Amino acid sequence: MCPRSGTAPPPSTDTLLADVLAVIPASEAKVWNETVIDRLAELRPERYGDWAHMSSEDKTSHLTAALKPYGIATGQVGKRVEGKFTNKRGIERADISTAIAERNRKRDAS
C-alpha cells in the first residue's frame, strides 16, 4: 500500500501494457476502463486486486492515469446494456498493441 493514498502501488509498467492486452480479446476493439480494471483484478489479484474495489469513476480515472505515459488516450465507448445504449470512458485495444510495439522497437534500438 502507498502510505499517502492508501492504494496499492502501480504495477510495473512493463507488465501493465501486456496485462491490459491479455484481458482484452482480439474480438473486442474497444472496452470500458472499469471493465479492464475488473479483468485485471481477476488476472492478477495480487497486483490489481485493490483496484477492483474502487468506484467505477475511480477505476476509470486510475486506468486513464496509468496509461497516459504511453500516449494511450481514453475516449467514449458506447455499448448496449439491457437494451439501453450506454457511453463510458474506455480504451481501444489497438492503442495498447501499438504502445507495446513502440516500446519493443525502442528496446531493440538500444
PDB file of N, CA and C in Angstrom:
ATOM      1  N   MET A   1       0.821  -1.191   0.000  1.00  0.00           N
ATOM      2  CA  MET A   1       0.000   0.000   0.000  1.00  0.00           C
ATOM      3  C   MET A   1       0.866   1.256   0.000  1.00  0.00           C
ATOM      4  N   CYS A   2       0.412   2.231  -0.740  1.00  0.00           N
ATOM      5  CA  CYS A   2       1.093   3.524  -0.728  1.00  0.00           C
ATOM      6  C   CYS A   2       0.664   4.269   0.522  1.00  0.00           C
ATOM      7  N   PRO A   3       1.605   4.782   1.294  1.00  0.00           N
ATOM      8  CA  PRO A   3       1.230   5.442   2.532  1.00  0.00           C
ATOM      9  C   PRO A   3       0.340   6.656   2.332  1.00  0.00           C
ATOM     10  N   ARG A   4       0.540   7.413   1.269  1.00  0.00           N
ATOM     11  CA  ARG A   4      -0.263   8.626   1.059  1.00  0.00           C
ATOM     12  C   ARG A   4      -1.675   8.331   0.612  1.00  0.00           C
ATOM     13  N   SER A   5      -1.800   7.480  -0.395  1.00  0.00           N
ATOM     14  CA  SER A   5      -3.113   7.271  -0.995  1.00  0.00           C
ATOM     15  C   SER A   5      -3.882   6.114  -0.381  1.00  0.00           C
ATOM     16  N   GLY A   6      -3.168   5.188   0.258  1.00  0.00           N
ATOM     17  CA  GLY A   6      -3.847   4.025   0.816  1.00  0.00           C
ATOM     18  C   GLY A   6      -4.193   2.987  -0.244  1.00  0.00           C
ATOM     19  N   THR A   7      -3.693   3.178  -1.462  1.00  0.00           N
ATOM     20  CA  THR A   7      -3.960   2.207  -2.521  1.00  0.00           C
ATOM     21  C   THR A   7      -2.676   1.459  -2.843  1.00  0.00           C
ATOM     22  N   ALA A   8      -2.839   0.388  -3.564  1.00  0.00           N
ATOM     23  CA  ALA A   8      -1.668  -0.398  -3.964  1.00  0.00           C
ATOM     24  C   ALA A   8      -0.808   0.422  -4.909  1.00  0.00           C
ATOM     25  N   PRO A   9       0.501   0.248  -4.840  1.00  0.00           N
ATOM     26  CA  PRO A   9       1.357   0.979  -5.767  1.00  0.00           C
ATOM     27  C   PRO A   9       1.080   0.533  -7.190  1.00  0.00           C
ATOM     28  N   PRO A  10       1.321   1.413  -8.160  1.00  0.00           N
ATOM     29  CA  PRO A  10       1.072   0.996  -9.530  1.00  0.00           C
ATOM     30  C   PRO A  10       1.988  -0.160  -9.907  1.00  0.00           C
ATOM     31  N   PRO A  11       1.500  -1.058 -10.737  1.00  0.00           N
ATOM     32  CA  PRO A  11       2.334  -2.183 -11.138  1.00  0.00           C
ATOM     33  C   PRO A  11       3.432  -1.716 -12.075  1.00  0.00           C
ATOM     34  N   SER A  12       4.406  -2.571 -12.268  1.00  0.00           N
ATOM     35  CA  SER A  12       5.452  -2.282 -13.234  1.00  0.00           C
ATOM     36  C   SER A  12       4.799  -1.997 -14.577  1.00  0.00           C
ATOM     37  N   THR A  13       5.225  -0.924 -15.202  1.00  0.00           N
ATOM     38  CA  THR A  13       4.604  -0.547 -16.466  1.00  0.00           C
ATOM     39  C   THR A  13       4.872  -1.571 -17.551  1.00  0.00           C
ATOM     40  N   ASP A  14       5.968  -2.301 -17.458  1.00  0.00           N
ATOM     41  CA  ASP A  14       6.234  -3.326 -18.452  1.00  0.00           C
ATOM     42  C   ASP A  14       5.145  -4.389 -18.444  1.00  0.00           C
ATOM     43  N   THR A  15       4.649  -4.729 -17.295  1.00  0.00           N
ATOM     44  CA  THR A  15       3.614  -5.748 -17.248  1.00  0.00           C
ATOM     45  C   THR A  15       2.225  -5.151 -17.422  1.00  0.00           C
ATOM     46  N   LEU A  16       2.044  -3.889 -17.115  1.00  0.00           N
ATOM     47  CA  LEU A  16       0.717  -3.290 -17.234  1.00  0.00           C
ATOM     48  C   LEU A  16       0.197  -3.389 -18.661  1.00  0.00           C
ATOM     49  N   LEU A  17       0.975  -2.954 -19.630  1.00  0.00           N
ATOM     50  CA  LEU A  17       0.506  -2.990 -21.010  1.00  0.00           C
ATOM     51  C   LEU A  17       0.214  -4.422 -21.460  1.00  0.00           C
ATOM     52  N   ALA A  18       1.101  -5.343 -21.145  1.00  0.00           N
ATOM     53  CA  ALA A  18       0.885  -6.746 -21.523  1.00  0.00           C
ATOM     54  C   ALA A  18      -0.345  -7.314 -20.827  1.00  0.00           C
ATOM     55  N   ASP A  19      -0.534  -6.952 -19.560  1.00  0.00           N
ATOM     56  CA  ASP A  19      -1.697  -7.448 -18.828  1.00  0.00           C
ATOM     57  C   ASP A  19      -2.991  -6.878 -19.400  1.00  0.00           C
ATOM     58  N   VAL A  20      -2.979  -5.593 -19.748  1.00  0.00           N
ATOM     59  CA  VAL A  20      -4.175  -4.992 -20.343  1.00  0.00           C
ATOM     60  C   VAL A  20      -4.493  -5.690 -21.655  1.00  0.00           C
ATOM     61  N   LEU A  21      -3.479  -5.905 -22.474  1.00  0.00           N
ATOM     62  CA  LEU A  21      -3.705  -6.590 -23.743  1.00  0.00           C
ATOM     63  C   LEU A  21      -4.231  -8.012 -23.514  1.00  0.00           C
ATOM     64  N   ALA A  22      -3.742  -8.655 -22.468  1.00  0.00           N
ATOM     65  CA  ALA A  22      -4.169 -10.027 -22.169  1.00  0.00           C
ATOM     66  C   ALA A  22      -5.640 -10.122 -21.778  1.00  0.00           C
ATOM     67  N   VAL A  23      -6.195  -9.052 -21.210  1.00  0.00           N
ATOM     68  CA  VAL A  23      -7.586  -9.113 -20.755  1.00  0.00           C
ATOM     69  C   VAL A  23      -8.580  -8.546 -21.767  1.00  0.00           C
ATOM     70  N   ILE A  24      -8.061  -8.090 -22.903  1.00  0.00           N
ATOM     71  CA  ILE A  24      -8.951  -7.604 -23.964  1.00  0.00           C
ATOM     72  C   ILE A  24      -8.794  -8.536 -25.154  1.00  0.00           C
ATOM     73  N   PRO A  25      -9.775  -9.377 -25.401  1.00  0.00           N
ATOM     74  CA  PRO A  25      -9.654 -10.303 -26.526  1.00  0.00           C
ATOM     75  C   PRO A  25      -9.590  -9.547 -27.856  1.00  0.00           C
ATOM     76  N   ALA A  26      -8.974 -10.158 -28.835  1.00  0.00           N
ATOM     77  CA  ALA A  26      -8.835  -9.535 -30.153  1.00  0.00           C
ATOM     78  C   ALA A  26     -10.193  -9.185 -30.764  1.00  0.00           C
ATOM     79  N   SER A  27     -11.212  -9.889 -30.366  1.00  0.00           N
ATOM     80  CA  SER A  27     -12.554  -9.648 -30.903  1.00  0.00           C
ATOM     81  C   SER A  27     -13.222  -8.406 -30.301  1.00  0.00           C
ATOM     82  N   GLU A  28     -12.595  -7.798 -29.312  1.00  0.00           N
ATOM     83  CA  GLU A  28     -13.179  -6.643 -28.629  1.00  0.00           C
ATOM     84  C   GLU A  28     -12.303  -5.411 -28.909  1.00  0.00           C
ATOM     85  N   ALA A  29     -12.729  -4.597 -29.866  1.00  0.00           N
ATOM     86  CA  ALA A  29     -11.921  -3.448 -30.301  1.00  0.00           C
ATOM     87  C   ALA A  29     -11.833  -2.362 -29.245  1.00  0.00           C
ATOM     88  N   LYS A  30     -12.931  -2.131 -28.535  1.00  0.00           N
ATOM     89  CA  LYS A  30     -12.981  -1.087 -27.508  1.00  0.00           C
ATOM     90  C   LYS A  30     -13.603  -1.668 -26.252  1.00  0.00           C
ATOM     91  N   VAL A  31     -13.140  -1.162 -25.106  1.00  0.00           N
ATOM     92  CA  VAL A  31     -13.656  -1.680 -23.831  1.00  0.00           C
ATOM     93  C   VAL A  31     -13.631  -0.572 -22.789  1.00  0.00           C
ATOM     94  N   TRP A  32     -14.595  -0.601 -21.899  1.00  0.00           N
ATOM     95  CA  TRP A  32     -14.661   0.388 -20.817  1.00  0.00           C
ATOM     96  C   TRP A  32     -13.498   0.200 -19.852  1.00  0.00           C
ATOM     97  N   ASN A  33     -12.992   1.304 -19.318  1.00  0.00           N
ATOM     98  CA  ASN A  33     -11.902   1.242 -18.343  1.00  0.00           C
ATOM     99  C   ASN A  33     -12.270   0.392 -17.139  1.00  0.00           C
ATOM    100  N   GLU A  34     -13.466   0.564 -16.630  1.00  0.00           N
ATOM    101  CA  GLU A  34     -13.845  -0.184 -15.427  1.00  0.00           C
ATOM    102  C   GLU A  34     -13.869  -1.689 -15.708  1.00  0.00           C
ATOM    103  N   THR A  35     -14.216  -2.070 -16.905  1.00  0.00           N
ATOM    104  CA  THR A  35     -14.204  -3.483 -17.282  1.00  0.00           C
ATOM    105  C   THR A  35     -12.774  -4.007 -17.317  1.00  0.00           C
ATOM    106  N   VAL A  36     -11.863  -3.199 -17.860  1.00  0.00           N
ATOM    107  CA  VAL A  36     -10.448  -3.589 -17.902  1.00  0.00           C
ATOM    108  C   VAL A  36      -9.927  -3.797 -16.486  1.00  0.00           C
ATOM    109  N   ILE A  37     -10.234  -2.864 -15.588  1.00  0.00           N
ATOM    110  CA  ILE A  37      -9.779  -2.974 -14.193  1.00  0.00           C
ATOM    111  C   ILE A  37     -10.301  -4.265 -13.568  1.00  0.00           C
ATOM    112  N   ASP A  38     -11.573  -4.558 -13.746  1.00  0.00           N
ATOM    113  CA  ASP A  38     -12.146  -5.779 -13.168  1.00  0.00           C
ATOM    114  C   ASP A  38     -11.455  -7.025 -13.725  1.00  0.00           C
ATOM    115  N   ARG A  39     -11.171  -7.008 -15.010  1.00  0.00           N
ATOM    116  CA  ARG A  39     -10.494  -8.154 -15.619  1.00  0.00           C
ATOM    117  C   ARG A  39      -9.054  -8.273 -15.131  1.00  0.00           C
ATOM    118  N   LEU A  40      -8.382  -7.133 -14.977  1.00  0.00           N
ATOM    119  CA  LEU A  40      -7.015  -7.160 -14.444  1.00  0.00           C
ATOM    120  C   LEU A  40      -6.993  -7.757 -13.038  1.00  0.00           C
ATOM    121  N   ALA A  41      -7.979  -7.382 -12.234  1.00  0.00           N
ATOM    122  CA  ALA A  41      -8.058  -7.900 -10.862  1.00  0.00           C
ATOM    123  C   ALA A  41      -8.264  -9.410 -10.855  1.00  0.00           C
ATOM    124  N   GLU A  42      -8.992  -9.913 -11.833  1.00  0.00           N
ATOM    125  CA  GLU A  42      -9.169 -11.359 -11.946  1.00  0.00           C
ATOM    126  C   GLU A  42      -7.889 -12.034 -12.436  1.00  0.00           C
ATOM    127  N   LEU A  43      -7.207 -11.391 -13.364  1.00  0.00           N
ATOM    128  CA  LEU A  43      -5.983 -11.942 -13.934  1.00  0.00           C
ATOM    129  C   LEU A  43      -4.865 -12.031 -12.908  1.00  0.00           C
ATOM    130  N   ARG A  44      -4.639 -10.940 -12.188  1.00  0.00           N
ATOM    131  CA  ARG A  44      -3.554 -10.862 -11.199  1.00  0.00           C
ATOM    132  C   ARG A  44      -4.058 -10.175  -9.929  1.00  0.00           C
ATOM    133  N   PRO A  45      -4.800 -10.907  -9.100  1.00  0.00           N
ATOM    134  CA  PRO A  45      -5.366 -10.291  -7.896  1.00  0.00           C
ATOM    135  C   PRO A  45      -4.314  -9.719  -6.956  1.00  0.00           C
ATOM    136  N   GLU A  46      -3.139 -10.336  -6.933  1.00  0.00           N
ATOM    137  CA  GLU A  46      -2.076  -9.846  -6.046  1.00  0.00           C
ATOM    138  C   GLU A  46      -1.571  -8.474  -6.491  1.00  0.00           C
ATOM    139  N   ARG A  47      -1.692  -8.169  -7.754  1.00  0.00           N
ATOM    140  CA  ARG A  47      -1.206  -6.909  -8.293  1.00  0.00           C
ATOM    141  C   ARG A  47      -2.308  -5.868  -8.441  1.00  0.00           C
ATOM    142  N   TYR A  48      -3.484  -6.292  -8.922  1.00  0.00           N
ATOM    143  CA  TYR A  48      -4.546  -5.349  -9.254  1.00  0.00           C
ATOM    144  C   TYR A  48      -5.801  -5.487  -8.393  1.00  0.00           C
ATOM    145  N   GLY A  49      -5.780  -6.405  -7.467  1.00  0.00           N
ATOM    146  CA  GLY A  49      -6.981  -6.676  -6.676  1.00  0.00           C
ATOM    147  C   GLY A  49      -7.563  -5.457  -5.983  1.00  0.00           C
ATOM    148  N   ASP A  50      -6.712  -4.603  -5.434  1.00  0.00           N
ATOM    149  CA  ASP A  50      -7.209  -3.403  -4.752  1.00  0.00           C
ATOM    150  C   ASP A  50      -7.918  -2.457  -5.709  1.00  0.00           C
ATOM    151  N   TRP A  51      -7.522  -2.479  -6.959  1.00  0.00           N
ATOM    152  CA  TRP A  51      -8.149  -1.596  -7.943  1.00  0.00           C
ATOM    153  C   TRP A  51      -9.625  -1.959  -8.139  1.00  0.00           C
ATOM    154  N   ALA A  52      -9.948  -3.226  -8.015  1.00  0.00           N
ATOM    155  CA  ALA A  52     -11.317  -3.686  -8.252  1.00  0.00           C
ATOM    156  C   ALA A  52     -12.294  -3.146  -7.221  1.00  0.00           C
ATOM    157  N   HIS A  53     -11.782  -2.707  -6.079  1.00  0.00           N
ATOM    158  CA  HIS A  53     -12.663  -2.207  -5.016  1.00  0.00           C
ATOM    159  C   HIS A  53     -12.963  -0.713  -5.148  1.00  0.00           C
ATOM    160  N   MET A  54     -12.410  -0.090  -6.167  1.00  0.00           N
ATOM    161  CA  MET A  54     -12.658   1.333  -6.394  1.00  0.00           C
ATOM    162  C   MET A  54     -14.044   1.531  -6.990  1.00  0.00           C
ATOM    163  N   SER A  55     -14.526   2.756  -6.901  1.00  0.00           N
ATOM    164  CA  SER A  55     -15.786   3.086  -7.570  1.00  0.00           C
ATOM    165  C   SER A  55     -15.547   3.061  -9.080  1.00  0.00           C
ATOM    166  N   SER A  56     -16.600   2.999  -9.854  1.00  0.00           N
ATOM    167  CA  SER A  56     -16.466   2.996 -11.315  1.00  0.00           C
ATOM    168  C   SER A  56     -15.715   4.231 -11.793  1.00  0.00           C
ATOM    169  N   GLU A  57     -16.030   5.369 -11.216  1.00  0.00           N
ATOM    170  CA  GLU A  57     -15.368   6.615 -11.591  1.00  0.00           C
ATOM    171  C   GLU A  57     -13.876   6.569 -11.269  1.00  0.00           C
ATOM    172  N   ASP A  58     -13.537   6.043 -10.094  1.00  0.00           N
ATOM    173  CA  ASP A  58     -12.129   5.936  -9.708  1.00  0.00           C
ATOM    174  C   ASP A  58     -11.374   4.929 -10.583  1.00  0.00           C
ATOM    175  N   LYS A  59     -12.030   3.835 -10.942  1.00  0.00           N
ATOM    176  CA  LYS A  59     -11.401   2.864 -11.836  1.00  0.00           C
ATOM    177  C   LYS A  59     -11.040   3.537 -13.158  1.00  0.00           C
ATOM    178  N   THR A  60     -11.990   4.297 -13.682  1.00  0.00           N
ATOM    179  CA  THR A  60     -11.772   4.985 -14.947  1.00  0.00           C
ATOM    180  C   THR A  60     -10.606   5.953 -14.849  1.00  0.00           C
ATOM    181  N   SER A  61     -10.583   6.751 -13.808  1.00  0.00           N
ATOM    182  CA  SER A  61      -9.503   7.727 -13.614  1.00  0.00           C
ATOM    183  C   SER A  61      -8.164   7.041 -13.412  1.00  0.00           C
ATOM    184  N   HIS A  62      -8.168   5.984 -12.645  1.00  0.00           N
ATOM    185  CA  HIS A  62      -6.934   5.270 -12.321  1.00  0.00           C
ATOM    186  C   HIS A  62      -6.291   4.670 -13.573  1.00  0.00           C
ATOM    187  N   LEU A  63      -7.081   3.982 -14.374  1.00  0.00           N
ATOM    188  CA  LEU A  63      -6.530   3.375 -15.580  1.00  0.00           C
ATOM    189  C   LEU A  63      -6.102   4.450 -16.572  1.00  0.00           C
ATOM    190  N   THR A  64      -6.884   5.501 -16.694  1.00  0.00           N
ATOM    191  CA  THR A  64      -6.523   6.607 -17.580  1.00  0.00           C
ATOM    192  C   THR A  64      -5.156   7.161 -17.205  1.00  0.00           C
ATOM    193  N   ALA A  65      -4.930   7.388 -15.914  1.00  0.00           N
ATOM    194  CA  ALA A  65      -3.650   7.929 -15.445  1.00  0.00           C
ATOM    195  C   ALA A  65      -2.502   6.944 -15.666  1.00  0.00           C
ATOM    196  N   ALA A  66      -2.760   5.660 -15.447  1.00  0.00           N
ATOM    197  CA  ALA A  66      -1.714   4.652 -15.598  1.00  0.00           C
ATOM    198  C   ALA A  66      -1.270   4.497 -17.056  1.00  0.00           C
ATOM    199  N   LEU A  67      -2.180   4.718 -18.002  1.00  0.00           N
ATOM    200  CA  LEU A  67      -1.867   4.544 -19.414  1.00  0.00           C
ATOM    201  C   LEU A  67      -1.385   5.818 -20.098  1.00  0.00           C
ATOM    202  N   LYS A  68      -1.617   6.943 -19.470  1.00  0.00           N
ATOM    203  CA  LYS A  68      -1.256   8.235 -20.077  1.00  0.00           C
ATOM    204  C   LYS A  68       0.219   8.347 -20.460  1.00  0.00           C
ATOM    205  N   PRO A  69       1.169   7.878 -19.637  1.00  0.00           N
ATOM    206  CA  PRO A  69       2.582   7.995 -20.026  1.00  0.00           C
ATOM    207  C   PRO A  69       2.930   7.291 -21.340  1.00  0.00           C
ATOM    208  N   TYR A  70       2.085   6.386 -21.786  1.00  0.00           N
ATOM    209  CA  TYR A  70       2.313   5.656 -23.033  1.00  0.00           C
ATOM    210  C   TYR A  70       1.587   6.284 -24.210  1.00  0.00           C
ATOM    211  N   GLY A  71       0.980   7.432 -23.978  1.00  0.00           N
ATOM    212  CA  GLY A  71       0.258   8.106 -25.039  1.00  0.00           C
ATOM    213  C   GLY A  71      -1.075   7.462 -25.361  1.00  0.00           C
ATOM    214  N   ILE A  72      -1.559   6.637 -24.450  1.00  0.00           N
ATOM    215  CA  ILE A  72      -2.838   5.963 -24.670  1.00  0.00           C
ATOM    216  C   ILE A  72      -3.932   6.832 -24.066  1.00  0.00           C
ATOM    217  N   ALA A  73      -4.791   7.310 -24.940  1.00  0.00           N
ATOM    218  CA  ALA A  73      -5.874   8.184 -24.512  1.00  0.00           C
ATOM    219  C   ALA A  73      -7.163   7.376 -24.352  1.00  0.00           C
ATOM    220  N   THR A  74      -8.003   7.871 -23.490  1.00  0.00           N
ATOM    221  CA  THR A  74      -9.315   7.260 -23.339  1.00  0.00           C
ATOM    222  C   THR A  74     -10.315   8.070 -24.151  1.00  0.00           C
ATOM    223  N   GLY A  75     -11.408   7.445 -24.433  1.00  0.00           N
ATOM    224  CA  GLY A  75     -12.472   8.120 -25.168  1.00  0.00           C
ATOM    225  C   GLY A  75     -13.798   7.487 -24.818  1.00  0.00           C
ATOM    226  N   GLN A  76     -14.829   8.005 -25.393  1.00  0.00           N
ATOM    227  CA  GLN A  76     -16.155   7.450 -25.142  1.00  0.00           C
ATOM    228  C   GLN A  76     -16.305   6.127 -25.886  1.00  0.00           C
ATOM    229  N   VAL A  77     -16.738   5.132 -25.141  1.00  0.00           N
ATOM    230  CA  VAL A  77     -17.009   3.813 -25.706  1.00  0.00           C
ATOM    231  C   VAL A  77     -18.461   3.500 -25.400  1.00  0.00           C
ATOM    232  N   GLY A  78     -19.226   3.293 -26.435  1.00  0.00           N
ATOM    233  CA  GLY A  78     -20.648   3.017 -26.254  1.00  0.00           C
ATOM    234  C   GLY A  78     -20.959   1.558 -26.509  1.00  0.00           C
ATOM    235  N   LYS A  79     -21.863   1.047 -25.712  1.00  0.00           N
ATOM    236  CA  LYS A  79     -22.358  -0.310 -25.959  1.00  0.00           C
ATOM    237  C   LYS A  79     -23.753  -0.426 -25.366  1.00  0.00           C
ATOM    238  N   ARG A  80     -24.458  -1.402 -25.844  1.00  0.00           N
ATOM    239  CA  ARG A  80     -25.831  -1.622 -25.416  1.00  0.00           C
ATOM    240  C   ARG A  80     -25.831  -2.540 -24.192  1.00  0.00           C
ATOM    241  N   VAL A  81     -26.472  -2.070 -23.122  1.00  0.00           N
ATOM    242  CA  VAL A  81     -26.598  -2.837 -21.891  1.00  0.00           C
ATOM    243  C   VAL A  81     -28.083  -2.902 -21.553  1.00  0.00           C
ATOM    244  N   GLU A  82     -28.595  -4.117 -21.530  1.00  0.00           N
ATOM    245  CA  GLU A  82     -30.021  -4.345 -21.242  1.00  0.00           C
ATOM    246  C   GLU A  82     -30.905  -3.482 -22.137  1.00  0.00           C
ATOM    247  N   GLY A  83     -30.566  -3.432 -23.419  1.00  0.00           N
ATOM    248  CA  GLY A  83     -31.369  -2.702 -24.387  1.00  0.00           C
ATOM    249  C   GLY A  83     -31.140  -1.203 -24.427  1.00  0.00           C
ATOM    250  N   LYS A  84     -30.333  -0.683 -23.516  1.00  0.00           N
ATOM    251  CA  LYS A  84     -30.086   0.756 -23.458  1.00  0.00           C
ATOM    252  C   LYS A  84     -28.638   1.036 -23.861  1.00  0.00           C
ATOM    253  N   PHE A  85     -28.450   2.039 -24.733  1.00  0.00           N
ATOM    254  CA  PHE A  85     -27.117   2.410 -25.169  1.00  0.00           C
ATOM    255  C   PHE A  85     -26.452   3.232 -24.076  1.00  0.00           C
ATOM    256  N   THR A  86     -25.238   2.819 -23.674  1.00  0.00           N
ATOM    257  CA  THR A  86     -24.515   3.478 -22.583  1.00  0.00           C
ATOM    258  C   THR A  86     -23.115   3.846 -23.048  1.00  0.00           C
ATOM    259  N   ASN A  87     -22.700   5.090 -22.759  1.00  0.00           N
ATOM    260  CA  ASN A  87     -21.353   5.572 -23.032  1.00  0.00           C
ATOM    261  C   ASN A  87     -20.573   5.668 -21.734  1.00  0.00           C
ATOM    262  N   LYS A  88     -19.341   5.161 -21.768  1.00  0.00           N
ATOM    263  CA  LYS A  88     -18.419   5.308 -20.641  1.00  0.00           C
ATOM    264  C   LYS A  88     -17.025   5.488 -21.210  1.00  0.00           C
ATOM    265  N   ARG A  89     -16.100   5.948 -20.374  1.00  0.00           N
ATOM    266  CA  ARG A  89     -14.715   6.109 -20.804  1.00  0.00           C
ATOM    267  C   ARG A  89     -14.082   4.746 -21.001  1.00  0.00           C
ATOM    268  N   GLY A  90     -13.305   4.632 -22.063  1.00  0.00           N
ATOM    269  CA  GLY A  90     -12.664   3.365 -22.335  1.00  0.00           C
ATOM    270  C   GLY A  90     -11.453   3.527 -23.231  1.00  0.00           C
ATOM    271  N   ILE A  91     -10.906   2.398 -23.607  1.00  0.00           N
ATOM    272  CA  ILE A  91      -9.697   2.379 -24.438  1.00  0.00           C
ATOM    273  C   ILE A  91      -9.919   1.488 -25.656  1.00  0.00           C
ATOM    274  N   GLU A  92      -9.025   1.662 -26.623  1.00  0.00           N
ATOM    275  CA  GLU A  92      -9.045   0.820 -27.804  1.00  0.00           C
ATOM    276  C   GLU A  92      -7.906  -0.190 -27.705  1.00  0.00           C
ATOM    277  N   ARG A  93      -8.217  -1.429 -27.993  1.00  0.00           N
ATOM    278  CA  ARG A  93      -7.214  -2.498 -27.935  1.00  0.00           C
ATOM    279  C   ARG A  93      -6.035  -2.185 -28.851  1.00  0.00           C
ATOM    280  N   ALA A  94      -6.318  -1.631 -30.012  1.00  0.00           N
ATOM    281  CA  ALA A  94      -5.261  -1.313 -30.976  1.00  0.00           C
ATOM    282  C   ALA A  94      -4.243  -0.337 -30.398  1.00  0.00           C
ATOM    283  N   ASP A  95      -4.694   0.595 -29.552  1.00  0.00           N
ATOM    284  CA  ASP A  95      -3.772   1.551 -28.933  1.00  0.00           C
ATOM    285  C   ASP A  95      -2.791   0.855 -27.994  1.00  0.00           C
ATOM    286  N   ILE A  96      -3.260  -0.173 -27.314  1.00  0.00           N
ATOM    287  CA  ILE A  96      -2.386  -0.933 -26.408  1.00  0.00           C
ATOM    288  C   ILE A  96      -1.355  -1.699 -27.237  1.00  0.00           C
ATOM    289  N   SER A  97      -1.807  -2.347 -28.297  1.00  0.00           N
ATOM    290  CA  SER A  97      -0.895  -3.090 -29.176  1.00  0.00           C
ATOM    291  C   SER A  97       0.165  -2.172 -29.767  1.00  0.00           C
ATOM    292  N   THR A  98      -0.251  -0.992 -30.193  1.00  0.00           N
ATOM    293  CA  THR A  98       0.684  -0.028 -30.770  1.00  0.00           C
ATOM    294  C   THR A  98       1.713   0.422 -29.739  1.00  0.00           C
ATOM    295  N   ALA A  99       1.277   0.689 -28.523  1.00  0.00           N
ATOM    296  CA  ALA A  99       2.199   1.121 -27.464  1.00  0.00           C
ATOM    297  C   ALA A  99       3.225   0.039 -27.141  1.00  0.00           C
ATOM    298  N   ILE A 100       2.787  -1.205 -27.122  1.00  0.00           N
ATOM    299  CA  ILE A 100       3.711  -2.318 -26.862  1.00  0.00           C
ATOM    300  C   ILE A 100       4.715  -2.435 -28.002  1.00  0.00           C
ATOM    301  N   ALA A 101       4.245  -2.346 -29.234  1.00  0.00           N
ATOM    302  CA  ALA A 101       5.142  -2.439 -30.389  1.00  0.00           C
ATOM    303  C   ALA A 101       6.163  -1.303 -30.376  1.00  0.00           C
ATOM    304  N   GLU A 102       5.719  -0.103 -30.037  1.00  0.00           N
ATOM    305  CA  GLU A 102       6.619   1.049 -29.969  1.00  0.00           C
ATOM    306  C   GLU A 102       7.659   0.856 -28.873  1.00  0.00           C
ATOM    307  N   ARG A 103       7.229   0.389 -27.717  1.00  0.00           N
ATOM    308  CA  ARG A 103       8.157   0.133 -26.604  1.00  0.00           C
ATOM    309  C   ARG A 103       9.201  -0.912 -27.010  1.00  0.00           C
ATOM    310  N   ASN A 104       8.743  -1.974 -27.661  1.00  0.00           N
ATOM    311  CA  ASN A 104       9.661  -3.031 -28.081  1.00  0.00           C
ATOM    312  C   ASN A 104      10.635  -2.539 -29.146  1.00  0.00           C
ATOM    313  N   ARG A 105      10.153  -1.687 -30.049  1.00  0.00           N
ATOM    314  CA  ARG A 105      11.025  -1.120 -31.069  1.00  0.00           C
ATOM    315  C   ARG A 105      12.124  -0.274 -30.438  1.00  0.00           C
ATOM    316  N   LYS A 106      11.756   0.512 -29.416  1.00  0.00           N
ATOM    317  CA  LYS A 106      12.746   1.335 -28.717  1.00  0.00           C
ATOM    318  C   LYS A 106      13.768   0.474 -27.988  1.00  0.00           C
ATOM    319  N   ARG A 107      13.309  -0.609 -27.384  1.00  0.00           N
ATOM    320  CA  ARG A 107      14.227  -1.526 -26.678  1.00  0.00           C
ATOM    321  C   ARG A 107      15.209  -2.158 -27.660  1.00  0.00           C
ATOM    322  N   ASP A 108      14.689  -2.575 -28.802  1.00  0.00           N
ATOM    323  CA  ASP A 108      15.526  -3.233 -29.799  1.00  0.00           C
ATOM    324  C   ASP A 108      16.564  -2.271 -30.366  1.00  0.00           C
ATOM    325  N   ALA A 109      16.224  -0.995 -30.429  1.00  0.00           N
ATOM    326  CA  ALA A 109      17.135   0.012 -30.976  1.00  0.00           C
ATOM    327  C   ALA A 109      18.252   0.360 -30.000  1.00  0.00           C
ATOM    328  N   SER A 110      18.060   0.067 -28.715  1.00  0.00           N
ATOM    329  CA  SER A 110      19.085   0.419 -27.721  1.00  0.00           C
ATOM    330  C   SER A 110      20.242  -0.539 -27.724  1.00  0.00           C
TER     331      SER A 110
END
